[in-house]
PDB file of N, CA and C in Angstrom:
ATOM      1  N   MET A   1     100.327 130.353 136.559  1.00  0.00           N
ATOM      2  CA  MET A   1     101.390 129.368 136.548  1.00  0.00           C
ATOM      3  C   MET A   1     102.162 129.520 135.244  1.00  0.00           C
ATOM      4  N   LYS A   2     103.422 129.200 135.283  1.00  0.00           N
ATOM      5  CA  LYS A   2     104.264 129.272 134.086  1.00  0.00           C
ATOM      6  C   LYS A   2     104.089 128.000 133.248  1.00  0.00           C
ATOM      7  N   ILE A   3     104.595 128.023 132.047  1.00  0.00           N
ATOM      8  CA  ILE A   3     104.392 126.929 131.107  1.00  0.00           C
ATOM      9  C   ILE A   3     104.968 125.613 131.634  1.00  0.00           C
ATOM     10  N   GLY A   4     106.080 125.666 132.351  1.00  0.00           N
ATOM     11  CA  GLY A   4     106.670 124.440 132.899  1.00  0.00           C
ATOM     12  C   GLY A   4     105.756 123.763 133.903  1.00  0.00           C
ATOM     13  N   GLU A   5     105.113 124.559 134.741  1.00  0.00           N
ATOM     14  CA  GLU A   5     104.183 123.986 135.716  1.00  0.00           C
ATOM     15  C   GLU A   5     102.949 123.415 135.025  1.00  0.00           C
ATOM     16  N   LEU A   6     102.422 124.142 134.027  1.00  0.00           N
ATOM     17  CA  LEU A   6     101.268 123.629 133.285  1.00  0.00           C
ATOM     18  C   LEU A   6     101.635 122.324 132.585  1.00  0.00           C
ATOM     19  N   SER A   7     102.807 122.279 132.027  1.00  0.00           N
ATOM     20  CA  SER A   7     103.287 121.068 131.378  1.00  0.00           C
ATOM     21  C   SER A   7     103.348 119.914 132.374  1.00  0.00           C
ATOM     22  N   HIS A   8     103.929 120.181 133.526  1.00  0.00           N
ATOM     23  CA  HIS A   8     104.065 119.148 134.567  1.00  0.00           C
ATOM     24  C   HIS A   8     102.697 118.665 135.046  1.00  0.00           C
ATOM     25  N   ARG A   9     101.780 119.579 135.265  1.00  0.00           N
ATOM     26  CA  ARG A   9     100.469 119.225 135.825  1.00  0.00           C
ATOM     27  C   ARG A   9      99.551 118.541 134.814  1.00  0.00           C
ATOM     28  N   THR A  10      99.778 118.776 133.524  1.00  0.00           N
ATOM     29  CA  THR A  10      98.918 118.156 132.499  1.00  0.00           C
ATOM     30  C   THR A  10      99.571 116.976 131.797  1.00  0.00           C
ATOM     31  N   GLY A  11     100.903 116.868 131.893  1.00  0.00           N
ATOM     32  CA  GLY A  11     101.616 115.813 131.176  1.00  0.00           C
ATOM     33  C   GLY A  11     101.801 116.119 129.699  1.00  0.00           C
ATOM     34  N   VAL A  12     101.574 117.355 129.314  1.00  0.00           N
ATOM     35  CA  VAL A  12     101.722 117.788 127.920  1.00  0.00           C
ATOM     36  C   VAL A  12     102.978 118.647 127.850  1.00  0.00           C
ATOM     37  N   ASN A  13     103.865 118.346 126.896  1.00  0.00           N
ATOM     38  CA  ASN A  13     105.121 119.087 126.881  1.00  0.00           C
ATOM     39  C   ASN A  13     104.914 120.545 126.459  1.00  0.00           C
ATOM     40  N   ALA A  14     105.853 121.380 126.844  1.00  0.00           N
ATOM     41  CA  ALA A  14     105.752 122.817 126.631  1.00  0.00           C
ATOM     42  C   ALA A  14     105.631 123.170 125.149  1.00  0.00           C
ATOM     43  N   HIS A  15     106.308 122.422 124.301  1.00  0.00           N
ATOM     44  CA  HIS A  15     106.223 122.678 122.859  1.00  0.00           C
ATOM     45  C   HIS A  15     104.781 122.536 122.374  1.00  0.00           C
ATOM     46  N   GLN A  16     104.089 121.499 122.836  1.00  0.00           N
ATOM     47  CA  GLN A  16     102.692 121.301 122.448  1.00  0.00           C
ATOM     48  C   GLN A  16     101.808 122.413 123.000  1.00  0.00           C
ATOM     49  N   LEU A  17     102.078 122.841 124.223  1.00  0.00           N
ATOM     50  CA  LEU A  17     101.298 123.934 124.805  1.00  0.00           C
ATOM     51  C   LEU A  17     101.463 125.216 123.997  1.00  0.00           C
ATOM     52  N   ARG A  18     102.670 125.494 123.537  1.00  0.00           N
ATOM     53  CA  ARG A  18     102.898 126.671 122.688  1.00  0.00           C
ATOM     54  C   ARG A  18     102.143 126.522 121.366  1.00  0.00           C
ATOM     55  N   TYR A  19     102.119 125.302 120.829  1.00  0.00           N
ATOM     56  CA  TYR A  19     101.376 125.043 119.604  1.00  0.00           C
ATOM     57  C   TYR A  19      99.881 125.299 119.818  1.00  0.00           C
ATOM     58  N   TYR A  20      99.339 124.820 120.937  1.00  0.00           N
ATOM     59  CA  TYR A  20      97.927 125.060 121.245  1.00  0.00           C
ATOM     60  C   TYR A  20      97.646 126.559 121.300  1.00  0.00           C
ATOM     61  N   GLU A  21      98.560 127.294 121.892  1.00  0.00           N
ATOM     62  CA  GLU A  21      98.399 128.747 121.971  1.00  0.00           C
ATOM     63  C   GLU A  21      98.427 129.363 120.570  1.00  0.00           C
ATOM     64  N   ALA A  22      99.370 128.936 119.748  1.00  0.00           N
ATOM     65  CA  ALA A  22      99.479 129.463 118.387  1.00  0.00           C
ATOM     66  C   ALA A  22      98.233 129.156 117.556  1.00  0.00           C
ATOM     67  N   GLN A  23      97.576 128.039 117.851  1.00  0.00           N
ATOM     68  CA  GLN A  23      96.367 127.646 117.121  1.00  0.00           C
ATOM     69  C   GLN A  23      95.105 128.306 117.687  1.00  0.00           C
ATOM     70  N   GLY A  24      95.259 129.085 118.741  1.00  0.00           N
ATOM     71  CA  GLY A  24      94.119 129.759 119.353  1.00  0.00           C
ATOM     72  C   GLY A  24      93.316 128.874 120.283  1.00  0.00           C
ATOM     73  N   LEU A  25      93.893 127.752 120.707  1.00  0.00           N
ATOM     74  CA  LEU A  25      93.197 126.818 121.580  1.00  0.00           C
ATOM     75  C   LEU A  25      93.411 127.125 123.057  1.00  0.00           C
ATOM     76  N   LEU A  26      94.472 127.809 123.366  1.00  0.00           N
ATOM     77  CA  LEU A  26      94.877 128.058 124.743  1.00  0.00           C
ATOM     78  C   LEU A  26      95.347 129.504 124.839  1.00  0.00           C
ATOM     79  N   GLU A  27      94.955 130.178 125.908  1.00  0.00           N
ATOM     80  CA  GLU A  27      95.341 131.575 126.082  1.00  0.00           C
ATOM     81  C   GLU A  27      96.287 131.725 127.266  1.00  0.00           C
ATOM     82  N   ALA A  28      97.244 132.612 127.101  1.00  0.00           N
ATOM     83  CA  ALA A  28      98.181 132.917 128.180  1.00  0.00           C
ATOM     84  C   ALA A  28      98.373 134.424 128.236  1.00  0.00           C
ATOM     85  N   GLU A  29      98.529 134.926 129.432  1.00  0.00           N
ATOM     86  CA  GLU A  29      98.927 136.319 129.618  1.00  0.00           C
ATOM     87  C   GLU A  29     100.453 136.346 129.573  1.00  0.00           C
ATOM     88  N   ARG A  30     100.998 137.516 129.348  1.00  0.00           N
ATOM     89  CA  ARG A  30     102.452 137.669 129.383  1.00  0.00           C
ATOM     90  C   ARG A  30     102.824 138.513 130.599  1.00  0.00           C
ATOM     91  N   GLY A  31     103.743 137.960 131.393  1.00  0.00           N
ATOM     92  CA  GLY A  31     104.234 138.706 132.548  1.00  0.00           C
ATOM     93  C   GLY A  31     105.148 139.832 132.097  1.00  0.00           C
ATOM     94  N   SER A  32     105.566 140.677 133.016  1.00  0.00           N
ATOM     95  CA  SER A  32     106.462 141.796 132.692  1.00  0.00           C
ATOM     96  C   SER A  32     107.794 141.296 132.147  1.00  0.00           C
ATOM     97  N   ASN A  33     108.135 140.054 132.500  1.00  0.00           N
ATOM     98  CA  ASN A  33     109.373 139.449 132.006  1.00  0.00           C
ATOM     99  C   ASN A  33     109.188 138.765 130.649  1.00  0.00           C
ATOM    100  N   GLY A  34     107.950 138.784 130.121  1.00  0.00           N
ATOM    101  CA  GLY A  34     107.673 138.175 128.823  1.00  0.00           C
ATOM    102  C   GLY A  34     107.277 136.711 128.900  1.00  0.00           C
ATOM    103  N   TYR A  35     107.345 136.120 130.080  1.00  0.00           N
ATOM    104  CA  TYR A  35     106.994 134.707 130.238  1.00  0.00           C
ATOM    105  C   TYR A  35     105.481 134.532 130.165  1.00  0.00           C
ATOM    106  N   ARG A  36     105.075 133.389 129.642  1.00  0.00           N
ATOM    107  CA  ARG A  36     103.646 133.057 129.615  1.00  0.00           C
ATOM    108  C   ARG A  36     103.171 132.775 131.032  1.00  0.00           C
ATOM    109  N   GLU A  37     101.980 133.249 131.333  1.00  0.00           N
ATOM    110  CA  GLU A  37     101.344 133.004 132.623  1.00  0.00           C
ATOM    111  C   GLU A  37      99.951 132.444 132.351  1.00  0.00           C
ATOM    112  N   TYR A  38      99.689 131.253 132.874  1.00  0.00           N
ATOM    113  CA  TYR A  38      98.403 130.597 132.689  1.00  0.00           C
ATOM    114  C   TYR A  38      97.629 130.605 133.995  1.00  0.00           C
ATOM    115  N   ASP A  39      96.299 130.736 133.889  1.00  0.00           N
ATOM    116  CA  ASP A  39      95.492 130.621 135.097  1.00  0.00           C
ATOM    117  C   ASP A  39      95.033 129.168 135.252  1.00  0.00           C
ATOM    118  N   GLU A  40      94.307 128.901 136.316  1.00  0.00           N
ATOM    119  CA  GLU A  40      93.885 127.534 136.623  1.00  0.00           C
ATOM    120  C   GLU A  40      92.959 126.945 135.544  1.00  0.00           C
ATOM    121  N   THR A  41      92.239 127.789 134.824  1.00  0.00           N
ATOM    122  CA  THR A  41      91.336 127.264 133.781  1.00  0.00           C
ATOM    123  C   THR A  41      92.114 126.598 132.647  1.00  0.00           C
ATOM    124  N   ALA A  42      93.395 126.923 132.518  1.00  0.00           N
ATOM    125  CA  ALA A  42      94.211 126.304 131.472  1.00  0.00           C
ATOM    126  C   ALA A  42      94.333 124.794 131.675  1.00  0.00           C
ATOM    127  N   LEU A  43      94.318 124.345 132.926  1.00  0.00           N
ATOM    128  CA  LEU A  43      94.390 122.902 133.202  1.00  0.00           C
ATOM    129  C   LEU A  43      93.218 122.168 132.552  1.00  0.00           C
ATOM    130  N   LEU A  44      92.025 122.684 132.758  1.00  0.00           N
ATOM    131  CA  LEU A  44      90.838 122.076 132.166  1.00  0.00           C
ATOM    132  C   LEU A  44      90.886 122.178 130.646  1.00  0.00           C
ATOM    133  N   ARG A  45      91.281 123.336 130.150  1.00  0.00           N
ATOM    134  CA  ARG A  45      91.314 123.546 128.701  1.00  0.00           C
ATOM    135  C   ARG A  45      92.265 122.558 128.029  1.00  0.00           C
ATOM    136  N   VAL A  46      93.431 122.320 128.592  1.00  0.00           N
ATOM    137  CA  VAL A  46      94.393 121.375 128.012  1.00  0.00           C
ATOM    138  C   VAL A  46      93.807 119.963 128.017  1.00  0.00           C
ATOM    139  N   LYS A  47      93.140 119.586 129.092  1.00  0.00           N
ATOM    140  CA  LYS A  47      92.514 118.256 129.143  1.00  0.00           C
ATOM    141  C   LYS A  47      91.429 118.122 128.080  1.00  0.00           C
ATOM    142  N   GLN A  48      90.647 119.170 127.887  1.00  0.00           N
ATOM    143  CA  GLN A  48      89.624 119.147 126.843  1.00  0.00           C
ATOM    144  C   GLN A  48      90.261 118.979 125.470  1.00  0.00           C
ATOM    145  N   ILE A  49      91.304 119.747 125.220  1.00  0.00           N
ATOM    146  CA  ILE A  49      92.010 119.670 123.931  1.00  0.00           C
ATOM    147  C   ILE A  49      92.520 118.261 123.689  1.00  0.00           C
ATOM    148  N   ARG A  50      93.125 117.651 124.699  1.00  0.00           N
ATOM    149  CA  ARG A  50      93.679 116.303 124.547  1.00  0.00           C
ATOM    150  C   ARG A  50      92.587 115.284 124.224  1.00  0.00           C
ATOM    151  N   HIS A  51      91.439 115.386 124.899  1.00  0.00           N
ATOM    152  CA  HIS A  51      90.333 114.465 124.623  1.00  0.00           C
ATOM    153  C   HIS A  51      89.810 114.647 123.205  1.00  0.00           C
ATOM    154  N   LEU A  52      89.681 115.889 122.759  1.00  0.00           N
ATOM    155  CA  LEU A  52      89.163 116.147 121.414  1.00  0.00           C
ATOM    156  C   LEU A  52      90.168 115.721 120.345  1.00  0.00           C
ATOM    157  N   LEU A  53      91.453 115.907 120.600  1.00  0.00           N
ATOM    158  CA  LEU A  53      92.471 115.404 119.666  1.00  0.00           C
ATOM    159  C   LEU A  53      92.396 113.885 119.575  1.00  0.00           C
ATOM    160  N   ALA A  54      92.202 113.225 120.713  1.00  0.00           N
ATOM    161  CA  ALA A  54      92.107 111.760 120.732  1.00  0.00           C
ATOM    162  C   ALA A  54      90.885 111.271 119.952  1.00  0.00           C
ATOM    163  N   ALA A  55      89.876 112.131 119.804  1.00  0.00           N
ATOM    164  CA  ALA A  55      88.684 111.776 119.022  1.00  0.00           C
ATOM    165  C   ALA A  55      88.919 111.967 117.531  1.00  0.00           C
ATOM    166  N   GLY A  56      90.131 112.399 117.162  1.00  0.00           N
ATOM    167  CA  GLY A  56      90.460 112.542 115.751  1.00  0.00           C
ATOM    168  C   GLY A  56      90.152 113.900 115.166  1.00  0.00           C
ATOM    169  N   LEU A  57      89.841 114.872 116.011  1.00  0.00           N
ATOM    170  CA  LEU A  57      89.529 116.206 115.521  1.00  0.00           C
ATOM    171  C   LEU A  57      90.809 116.990 115.268  1.00  0.00           C
ATOM    172  N   SER A  58      90.774 117.848 114.271  1.00  0.00           N
ATOM    173  CA  SER A  58      91.920 118.707 113.972  1.00  0.00           C
ATOM    174  C   SER A  58      91.929 119.894 114.930  1.00  0.00           C
ATOM    175  N   SER A  59      93.042 120.588 115.004  1.00  0.00           N
ATOM    176  CA  SER A  59      93.102 121.769 115.865  1.00  0.00           C
ATOM    177  C   SER A  59      92.119 122.833 115.376  1.00  0.00           C
ATOM    178  N   GLU A  60      91.889 122.889 114.077  1.00  0.00           N
ATOM    179  CA  GLU A  60      90.900 123.827 113.539  1.00  0.00           C
ATOM    180  C   GLU A  60      89.498 123.467 114.022  1.00  0.00           C
ATOM    181  N   ASP A  61      89.158 122.176 113.974  1.00  0.00           N
ATOM    182  CA  ASP A  61      87.864 121.719 114.488  1.00  0.00           C
ATOM    183  C   ASP A  61      87.736 122.047 115.973  1.00  0.00           C
ATOM    184  N   ILE A  62      88.795 121.786 116.715  1.00  0.00           N
ATOM    185  CA  ILE A  62      88.767 121.989 118.160  1.00  0.00           C
ATOM    186  C   ILE A  62      88.581 123.465 118.498  1.00  0.00           C
ATOM    187  N   ALA A  63      89.236 124.349 117.771  1.00  0.00           N
ATOM    188  CA  ALA A  63      89.077 125.781 118.018  1.00  0.00           C
ATOM    189  C   ALA A  63      87.610 126.174 117.875  1.00  0.00           C
ATOM    190  N   TYR A  64      86.932 125.560 116.940  1.00  0.00           N
ATOM    191  CA  TYR A  64      85.526 125.834 116.702  1.00  0.00           C
ATOM    192  C   TYR A  64      84.647 125.259 117.814  1.00  0.00           C
ATOM    193  N   LEU A  65      85.031 124.083 118.333  1.00  0.00           N
ATOM    194  CA  LEU A  65      84.215 123.381 119.319  1.00  0.00           C
ATOM    195  C   LEU A  65      84.414 123.839 120.759  1.00  0.00           C
ATOM    196  N   LEU A  66      85.591 124.329 121.098  1.00  0.00           N
ATOM    197  CA  LEU A  66      85.915 124.630 122.495  1.00  0.00           C
ATOM    198  C   LEU A  66      84.927 125.557 123.201  1.00  0.00           C
ATOM    199  N   PRO A  67      84.395 126.570 122.531  1.00  0.00           N
ATOM    200  CA  PRO A  67      83.424 127.407 123.256  1.00  0.00           C
ATOM    201  C   PRO A  67      82.182 126.638 123.715  1.00  0.00           C
ATOM    202  N   CYS A  68      81.926 125.491 123.112  1.00  0.00           N
ATOM    203  CA  CYS A  68      80.762 124.675 123.476  1.00  0.00           C
ATOM    204  C   CYS A  68      81.132 123.530 124.423  1.00  0.00           C
ATOM    205  N   ALA A  69      82.357 123.501 124.905  1.00  0.00           N
ATOM    206  CA  ALA A  69      82.842 122.387 125.729  1.00  0.00           C
ATOM    207  C   ALA A  69      82.631 122.671 127.214  1.00  0.00           C
ATOM    208  N   ILE A  70      82.111 121.648 127.905  1.00  0.00           N
ATOM    209  CA  ILE A  70      81.904 121.734 129.347  1.00  0.00           C
ATOM    210  C   ILE A  70      82.529 120.498 129.980  1.00  0.00           C
ATOM    211  N   GLY A  71      83.365 120.689 130.976  1.00  0.00           N
ATOM    212  CA  GLY A  71      83.958 119.565 131.693  1.00  0.00           C
ATOM    213  C   GLY A  71      85.177 118.996 131.002  1.00  0.00           C
ATOM    214  N   GLU A  72      85.836 118.067 131.701  1.00  0.00           N
ATOM    215  CA  GLU A  72      87.109 117.510 131.233  1.00  0.00           C
ATOM    216  C   GLU A  72      86.967 116.620 130.016  1.00  0.00           C
ATOM    217  N   GLU A  73      85.903 115.841 129.920  1.00  0.00           N
ATOM    218  CA  GLU A  73      85.799 114.820 128.867  1.00  0.00           C
ATOM    219  C   GLU A  73      85.813 115.360 127.442  1.00  0.00           C
ATOM    220  N   PRO A  74      85.353 116.373 126.983  1.00  0.00           N
ATOM    221  CA  PRO A  74      84.324 117.263 127.514  1.00  0.00           C
ATOM    222  C   PRO A  74      82.941 116.895 126.979  1.00  0.00           C
ATOM    223  N   GLU A  75      81.922 117.443 127.600  1.00  0.00           N
ATOM    224  CA  GLU A  75      80.568 117.365 127.074  1.00  0.00           C
ATOM    225  C   GLU A  75      80.394 118.581 126.176  1.00  0.00           C
ATOM    226  N   LEU A  76      79.778 118.383 125.020  1.00  0.00           N
ATOM    227  CA  LEU A  76      79.606 119.485 124.081  1.00  0.00           C
ATOM    228  C   LEU A  76      78.138 119.885 124.002  1.00  0.00           C
ATOM    229  N   ILE A  77      77.895 121.180 124.069  1.00  0.00           N
ATOM    230  CA  ILE A  77      76.544 121.699 123.921  1.00  0.00           C
ATOM    231  C   ILE A  77      76.180 121.583 122.444  1.00  0.00           C
ATOM    232  N   GLY A  78      75.010 121.023 122.147  1.00  0.00           N
ATOM    233  CA  GLY A  78      74.637 120.703 120.765  1.00  0.00           C
ATOM    234  C   GLY A  78      74.021 121.822 119.970  1.00  0.00           C
ATOM    235  N   CYS A  79      74.760 122.900 119.731  1.00  0.00           N
ATOM    236  CA  CYS A  79      74.244 123.955 118.861  1.00  0.00           C
ATOM    237  C   CYS A  79      74.336 123.483 117.404  1.00  0.00           C
ATOM    238  N   PRO A  80      73.472 124.000 116.519  1.00  0.00           N
ATOM    239  CA  PRO A  80      73.437 123.508 115.128  1.00  0.00           C
ATOM    240  C   PRO A  80      74.782 123.581 114.409  1.00  0.00           C
ATOM    241  N   GLU A  81      75.540 124.667 114.607  1.00  0.00           N
ATOM    242  CA  GLU A  81      76.831 124.803 113.929  1.00  0.00           C
ATOM    243  C   GLU A  81      77.806 123.732 114.400  1.00  0.00           C
ATOM    244  N   LEU A  82      77.777 123.458 115.681  1.00  0.00           N
ATOM    245  CA  LEU A  82      78.650 122.444 116.250  1.00  0.00           C
ATOM    246  C   LEU A  82      78.303 121.068 115.687  1.00  0.00           C
ATOM    247  N   LEU A  83      77.033 120.755 115.663  1.00  0.00           N
ATOM    248  CA  LEU A  83      76.602 119.456 115.139  1.00  0.00           C
ATOM    249  C   LEU A  83      76.975 119.310 113.678  1.00  0.00           C
ATOM    250  N   ALA A  84      76.827 120.351 112.895  1.00  0.00           N
ATOM    251  CA  ALA A  84      77.196 120.296 111.474  1.00  0.00           C
ATOM    252  C   ALA A  84      78.687 120.024 111.319  1.00  0.00           C
ATOM    253  N   ALA A  85      79.517 120.685 112.121  1.00  0.00           N
ATOM    254  CA  ALA A  85      80.967 120.485 112.041  1.00  0.00           C
ATOM    255  C   ALA A  85      81.339 119.055 112.431  1.00  0.00           C
ATOM    256  N   MET A  86      80.716 118.536 113.484  1.00  0.00           N
ATOM    257  CA  MET A  86      81.041 117.168 113.919  1.00  0.00           C
ATOM    258  C   MET A  86      80.539 116.144 112.895  1.00  0.00           C
ATOM    259  N   ARG A  87      79.380 116.382 112.294  1.00  0.00           N
ATOM    260  CA  ARG A  87      78.886 115.461 111.263  1.00  0.00           C
ATOM    261  C   ARG A  87      79.794 115.463 110.034  1.00  0.00           C
ATOM    262  N   GLU A  88      80.304 116.639 109.688  1.00  0.00           N
ATOM    263  CA  GLU A  88      81.239 116.727 108.560  1.00  0.00           C
ATOM    264  C   GLU A  88      82.507 115.924 108.854  1.00  0.00           C
ATOM    265  N   ARG A  89      83.037 116.075 110.056  1.00  0.00           N
ATOM    266  CA  ARG A  89      84.244 115.326 110.438  1.00  0.00           C
ATOM    267  C   ARG A  89      83.968 113.831 110.446  1.00  0.00           C
ATOM    268  N   LEU A  90      82.804 113.432 110.950  1.00  0.00           N
ATOM    269  CA  LEU A  90      82.424 112.023 110.955  1.00  0.00           C
ATOM    270  C   LEU A  90      82.329 111.493 109.529  1.00  0.00           C
ATOM    271  N   GLY A  91      81.796 112.288 108.631  1.00  0.00           N
ATOM    272  CA  GLY A  91      81.731 111.887 107.225  1.00  0.00           C
ATOM    273  C   GLY A  91      83.110 111.674 106.627  1.00  0.00           C
ATOM    274  N   ARG A  92      84.053 112.553 106.966  1.00  0.00           N
ATOM    275  CA  ARG A  92      85.429 112.383 106.465  1.00  0.00           C
ATOM    276  C   ARG A  92      86.049 111.109 107.027  1.00  0.00           C
ATOM    277  N   LEU A  93      85.788 110.814 108.295  1.00  0.00           N
ATOM    278  CA  LEU A  93      86.305 109.574 108.883  1.00  0.00           C
ATOM    279  C   LEU A  93      85.690 108.353 108.206  1.00  0.00           C
ATOM    280  N   ASP A  94      84.391 108.402 107.921  1.00  0.00           N
ATOM    281  CA  ASP A  94      83.728 107.290 107.223  1.00  0.00           C
ATOM    282  C   ASP A  94      84.341 107.067 105.846  1.00  0.00           C
ATOM    283  N   GLU A  95      84.655 108.159 105.130  1.00  0.00           N
ATOM    284  CA  GLU A  95      85.307 108.047 103.818  1.00  0.00           C
ATOM    285  C   GLU A  95      86.680 107.391 103.950  1.00  0.00           C
ATOM    286  N   GLN A  96      87.437 107.779 104.964  1.00  0.00           N
ATOM    287  CA  GLN A  96      88.757 107.189 105.178  1.00  0.00           C
ATOM    288  C   GLN A  96      88.644 105.700 105.495  1.00  0.00           C
ATOM    289  N   LEU A  97      87.668 105.344 106.335  1.00  0.00           N
ATOM    290  CA  LEU A  97      87.464 103.933 106.676  1.00  0.00           C
ATOM    291  C   LEU A  97      87.078 103.121 105.448  1.00  0.00           C
ATOM    292  N   ALA A  98      86.231 103.674 104.599  1.00  0.00           N
ATOM    293  CA  ALA A  98      85.823 102.971 103.382  1.00  0.00           C
ATOM    294  C   ALA A  98      87.023 102.763 102.459  1.00  0.00           C
ATOM    295  N   LYS A  99      87.872 103.757 102.360  1.00  0.00           N
ATOM    296  CA  LYS A  99      89.071 103.637 101.522  1.00  0.00           C
ATOM    297  C   LYS A  99      90.003 102.558 102.070  1.00  0.00           C
ATOM    298  N   ILE A 100      90.183 102.540 103.371  1.00  0.00           N
ATOM    299  CA  ILE A 100      91.028 101.516 103.996  1.00  0.00           C
ATOM    300  C   ILE A 100      90.424 100.131 103.774  1.00  0.00           C
ATOM    301  N   ALA A 101      89.109 100.009 103.891  1.00  0.00           N
ATOM    302  CA  ALA A 101      88.443  98.712 103.678  1.00  0.00           C
ATOM    303  C   ALA A 101      88.638  98.243 102.239  1.00  0.00           C
ATOM    304  N   ARG A 102      88.540  99.165 101.274  1.00  0.00           N
ATOM    305  CA  ARG A 102      88.773  98.783  99.866  1.00  0.00           C
ATOM    306  C   ARG A 102      90.209  98.320  99.662  1.00  0.00           C
ATOM    307  N   SER A 103      91.159  99.021 100.264  1.00  0.00           N
ATOM    308  CA  SER A 103      92.571  98.632 100.148  1.00  0.00           C
ATOM    309  C   SER A 103      92.803  97.265 100.772  1.00  0.00           C
ATOM    310  N   ARG A 104      92.194  97.033 101.918  1.00  0.00           N
ATOM    311  CA  ARG A 104      92.338  95.746 102.590  1.00  0.00           C
ATOM    312  C   ARG A 104      91.764  94.620 101.747  1.00  0.00           C
ATOM    313  N   ASP A 105      90.577  94.840 101.174  1.00  0.00           N
ATOM    314  CA  ASP A 105      89.949  93.829 100.330  1.00  0.00           C
ATOM    315  C   ASP A 105      90.810  93.513  99.107  1.00  0.00           C
ATOM    316  N   ALA A 106      91.378  94.549  98.489  1.00  0.00           N
ATOM    317  CA  ALA A 106      92.237  94.340  97.322  1.00  0.00           C
ATOM    318  C   ALA A 106      93.472  93.528  97.709  1.00  0.00           C
ATOM    319  N   LEU A 107      94.103  93.872  98.816  1.00  0.00           N
ATOM    320  CA  LEU A 107      95.286  93.144  99.267  1.00  0.00           C
ATOM    321  C   LEU A 107      94.947  91.693  99.596  1.00  0.00           C
ATOM    322  N   ALA A 108      93.822  91.476 100.272  1.00  0.00           N
ATOM    323  CA  ALA A 108      93.404  90.104 100.585  1.00  0.00           C
ATOM    324  C   ALA A 108      93.168  89.313  99.307  1.00  0.00           C
ATOM    325  N   GLY A 109      92.605  89.962  98.283  1.00  0.00           N
ATOM    326  CA  GLY A 109      92.400  89.292  96.991  1.00  0.00           C
ATOM    327  C   GLY A 109      93.720  88.890  96.352  1.00  0.00           C
ATOM    328  N   TYR A 110      94.702  89.774  96.404  1.00  0.00           N
ATOM    329  CA  TYR A 110      96.021  89.438  95.861  1.00  0.00           C
ATOM    330  C   TYR A 110      96.655  88.277  96.616  1.00  0.00           C
ATOM    331  N   ILE A 111      96.519  88.281  97.918  1.00  0.00           N
ATOM    332  CA  ILE A 111      97.064  87.184  98.721  1.00  0.00           C
ATOM    333  C   ILE A 111      96.390  85.869  98.360  1.00  0.00           C
ATOM    334  N   ASP A 112      95.059  85.866  98.258  1.00  0.00           N
ATOM    335  CA  ASP A 112      94.319  84.654  97.883  1.00  0.00           C
ATOM    336  C   ASP A 112      94.766  84.140  96.519  1.00  0.00           C
ATOM    337  N   ALA A 113      94.884  85.045  95.550  1.00  0.00           N
ATOM    338  CA  ALA A 113      95.296  84.641  94.200  1.00  0.00           C
ATOM    339  C   ALA A 113      96.701  84.058  94.217  1.00  0.00           C
ATOM    340  N   ALA A 114      97.601  84.678  94.970  1.00  0.00           N
ATOM    341  CA  ALA A 114      98.979  84.192  95.031  1.00  0.00           C
ATOM    342  C   ALA A 114      99.037  82.823  95.694  1.00  0.00           C
ATOM    343  N   GLU A 115      98.227  82.623  96.731  1.00  0.00           N
ATOM    344  CA  GLU A 115      98.214  81.319  97.405  1.00  0.00           C
ATOM    345  C   GLU A 115      97.650  80.234  96.487  1.00  0.00           C
ATOM    346  N   ARG A 116      96.700  80.568  95.642  1.00  0.00           N
ATOM    347  CA  ARG A 116      96.119  79.579  94.724  1.00  0.00           C
ATOM    348  C   ARG A 116      97.107  79.146  93.652  1.00  0.00           C
ATOM    349  N   THR A 117      97.979  80.042  93.213  1.00  0.00           N
ATOM    350  CA  THR A 117      98.941  79.661  92.175  1.00  0.00           C
ATOM    351  C   THR A 117     100.013  78.749  92.726  1.00  0.00           C
ATOM    352  N   GLY A 118     100.312  78.849  93.994  1.00  0.00           N
ATOM    353  CA  GLY A 118     101.196  77.909  94.681  1.00  0.00           C
ATOM    354  C   GLY A 118     102.597  77.792  94.143  1.00  0.00           C
ATOM    355  N   ALA A 119     103.228  78.875  93.719  1.00  0.00           N
ATOM    356  CA  ALA A 119     104.614  78.788  93.249  1.00  0.00           C
ATOM    357  C   ALA A 119     105.524  78.337  94.389  1.00  0.00           C
ATOM    358  N   LYS A 120     106.427  77.432  94.082  1.00  0.00           N
ATOM    359  CA  LYS A 120     107.332  76.887  95.100  1.00  0.00           C
ATOM    360  C   LYS A 120     108.612  77.710  95.240  1.00  0.00           C
ATOM    361  N   THR A 121     108.930  78.515  94.257  1.00  0.00           N
ATOM    362  CA  THR A 121     110.152  79.310  94.304  1.00  0.00           C
ATOM    363  C   THR A 121     109.815  80.762  94.039  1.00  0.00           C
ATOM    364  N   TYR A 122     110.783  81.624  94.395  1.00  0.00           N
ATOM    365  CA  TYR A 122     110.616  83.053  94.119  1.00  0.00           C
ATOM    366  C   TYR A 122     111.884  83.555  93.505  1.00  0.00           C
ATOM    367  N   PRO A 123     111.851  84.262  92.424  1.00  0.00           N
ATOM    368  CA  PRO A 123     110.651  84.549  91.640  1.00  0.00           C
ATOM    369  C   PRO A 123     110.149  83.272  90.952  1.00  0.00           C
ATOM    370  N   PRO A 124     108.859  83.204  90.659  1.00  0.00           N
ATOM    371  CA  PRO A 124     108.277  81.963  90.125  1.00  0.00           C
ATOM    372  C   PRO A 124     108.768  81.611  88.736  1.00  0.00           C
ATOM    373  N   PHE A 125     109.467  82.497  88.046  1.00  0.00           N
ATOM    374  CA  PHE A 125     109.910  82.226  86.673  1.00  0.00           C
ATOM    375  C   PHE A 125     111.319  81.670  86.600  1.00  0.00           C
ATOM    376  N   GLU A 126     111.979  81.555  87.727  1.00  0.00           N
ATOM    377  CA  GLU A 126     113.342  81.077  87.764  1.00  0.00           C
ATOM    378  C   GLU A 126     113.397  79.613  87.281  1.00  0.00           C
ATOM    379  N   GLY A 127     114.247  79.320  86.361  1.00  0.00           N
ATOM    380  CA  GLY A 127     114.447  77.953  85.873  1.00  0.00           C
ATOM    381  C   GLY A 127     113.403  77.510  84.854  1.00  0.00           C
ATOM    382  N   ALA A 128     112.432  78.357  84.549  1.00  0.00           N
ATOM    383  CA  ALA A 128     111.405  77.997  83.551  1.00  0.00           C
ATOM    384  C   ALA A 128     111.852  78.509  82.205  1.00  0.00           C
ATOM    385  N   ALA A 129     112.224  77.654  81.333  1.00  0.00           N
ATOM    386  CA  ALA A 129     112.565  78.044  79.960  1.00  0.00           C
ATOM    387  C   ALA A 129     112.944  76.841  79.172  1.00  0.00           C
TER     388      ALA A 129
END
């Protein structure tokens, strides 16, 4: 099938499909006319890529994981290298969440402090002198 049909059948635009190919996530043959030709397995592969992207994985992570992917969701075979890569990604997500939580706590503290001072005007120094 050509890229337009794959795009239509998966709901993923052609630009993204070309990006997946450039990242080594999706393979296409080239016809004599130079057009990309995808086989039926590309449908499953695109669905797998979309699910893994939705899990927050980078295209680099996905390229590493795809050989271990089975099914649309996909289910991943738990080889040691795969588990190490997923644990590393999970650790990075935990670090990001902790940073966001610290930022949220700091902002909430500023809001609490500002509410306690109870200035009636803004800026609070206007007319004070």
